[in-house]
Amino acid sequence: MKRAKPSKASTAATAIDPYGIAIGDHGIVGDLATVALVGINGIIDFMCLPRFDSPTVFSSLLDEDGGYFQLCPLADDVRSKQIYVPDTNILLTRFLSPEGIAELTDFMPISDGRSPTRLVRRLKVITGKLTFALDCNVQLDYGRHTTHARSDGDITLWSNRSKKHRARLICPLPIEVEDSHAISEFTLKKDDAVDFVFEQADEDEDPDFDVETSFEKTEKFWRKWSRKSQYRGRWREVINRSALVLKLLTSKEHGSMVAAATFGLPEILGGERNWDYRYTWIRDASFSIYALMRLGFVDEAGDFMHWVEERTKDCHFDGSLKTMYRVDGTTDLAETELDHFTGYLKSRPVRIGNGACDQIQLDIYGELMDALYLANKYGEPVSYDGWMKMTQIIDYVEKNWRRKDYGIWEIRGKPREFLHSRMMCWVAVDRALRLATKRSLPAPFDQWSKLRNEIYNSIFEEFWNEKEEHFIQAKGLDEMDASMLLMPLMKCIGAKDPRWLSTLRKIEEVLVEDTMVHRYRDDIDNLPGKEHSFTTCTFWYIECLARGGRTAQARLLFDKMLSYSNHLGLYSEELGPSGDHLGNFPQALTHLALISAAFAIDRALTDTAPGAWQS
């Protein structure tokens, strides 16, 4: 069975999937437990239920038979536009045609931990008269087993042989069921509206659920949250949207944050870099909490640090942590391939789970301690038990900071002594010392001070190329690496230090193309193909320019990068040479780097921070 042909609304020359929806042609809605990607043509082609890291129910973004939820007009010459209801994560898709105008409102009521996860779709005709096609094709458990649908009045129920995965659609229209498809064709005239509620079916239907009341509560929740922002700089709409994205990727129940909403979307079309990002990286979440704190969202910092404290209770006897966890803190992340999925534009393999969870990545302790330091400075003090675990982590850093690891880019090649990992070990000890001093916490100050100095001297003596006058990516490897851009941002070196300025010139020569910044140029990740520019690194570069006094250039490049966002201000992990979005989407790391760069430019232009928060 084929779905009705969607309207192609993308005007850019982007890579298009088999159903006409590019990665960047999506909006996102969520309930702080999971999310759904909504194409600009009104098709939901990616959703996991009931949690970020749960199996998919819709995944046609990754495979033609992966399932989708289509609602679209059947009129000719239909154009579609998408906007968010201001200061919310409620998405409005507008269908414009000579026959009439319709609006599709998508939202998810905020999770309360008790009610089933729900996706609400309200379709309303604004002018004229339009006929619509509904095709809800659910494929449970990544489509690994046949999904069957049955209709009972206004409820369609899907299940499969595992009996663990069930979903239902509540719809007041007559529905025809064929295999896994719930189909309807219907006509609406001006001011007519119809509501569709898609939800997990682990519990009985809630007869008291009211769409209008739910919409009002959801709108109120997001607007109340948005008002907490203290940002008063030049890019308020952009910054608030990035903050709303970061919040969408946060688990209300657990306080953790996933790195991105999706899995398996390729960094290179036809390539192998197709990872699962639906988990909580210590690194990414720590950076994200830092960005939210800058905007005044301190509650999220407290929730995340509580989540971290729970992880430290289960850390290895030597004080080491995993690089990533599921949102609930469990560690069953075995990497497997969905062989039955053809992949986005035939980019295979499509992976779930992530083998990098077992890698040694020494930089995570620096990002964690930096976030802990700032959370204590502006939020809730660390508990005694939490501090004891943090001292155990510093003990681990002391014993292991010279080890080879796989680094921030999680290379699948051989481990090395990376500059970035060495620097972040310095950050871990430095922030622990600062926190212990500020809070009068017990610590071996002399021992830690000696350790901090030893790591610092190692950075400047062992990772400096005297002949070429620049820092190096790793010992024995004179290549450049965009993670070096974090050196002045983490206060390891001054933004105008001669050694840094000569390093920055070399980075610009090797890794920068206009606004596009590449992570690296060599084949250090041991995978075929050359990857594209990495959006996070571009914002790091822009922030370095602003901190280093090149303010006008930083502002111009920042505005250029804003032009690469999608129609809703969202960013994926990478940008192709023609500006097409690639990699998992939307990516938290990019949006937090955008926020940080905006702060740096605002400060450089006005000599004061744009809000009350000072770093």
Foldseek 3Di string as FASTA:
>chain_A
DDDDQFDQADPFPFDAFPRNFFPQQWAWAFQLFAIWTAGLRGKTQWTAPPGLQHATFHHVLFFVQQWIKDKHFPDPPWHWDKEADPLASWIWIWIDDPQFIKIWIWYWQHDPPPDWTKIKIKIATAAHKTKIKTKGATQPRSVPFFKAWDDDQQKIKIDGPVRPFIKMKGWNDDWDGDRRITIDMGMDHHGDMTMMMITTPPDDDDPPDDPVVSVVNRVVVSNVVLVQFFFQFDPSRLLSVLLNLQSRQHRPVQLFGWQFSAFQFFLDQQFERTGGGSWGFLQLRLLLQVLVVLGRNLVSLVSVLVNVLVQLVVDDPQLDGFRIAHSNRHRPQDKDFPVVTCTGNSHDGTIGGDPLRPWDEQLSLLSNLVSLLVSCVRHPHDDPSSLVSLLSNLSSLLVDLQPFTCYPVSFQADTFNFLSSLVSNLNNLVSNLVSCVVVVNDDPNVVSVVSSVVSLVCSVPQQADPVQLEGAGGGVGRWDFLSVLCCCVSPSDQLQPPSNVSHLVVQCVAADDQLFGQGTADCRSVTDDDGAGFLLSSLSNLLSCLRNLVLVSSVVSLVVSQVLRRSHSFAPGHADPSSRGTHGPRGSSNSSSNSSSSQSSRCSVPVDGSGPDDD
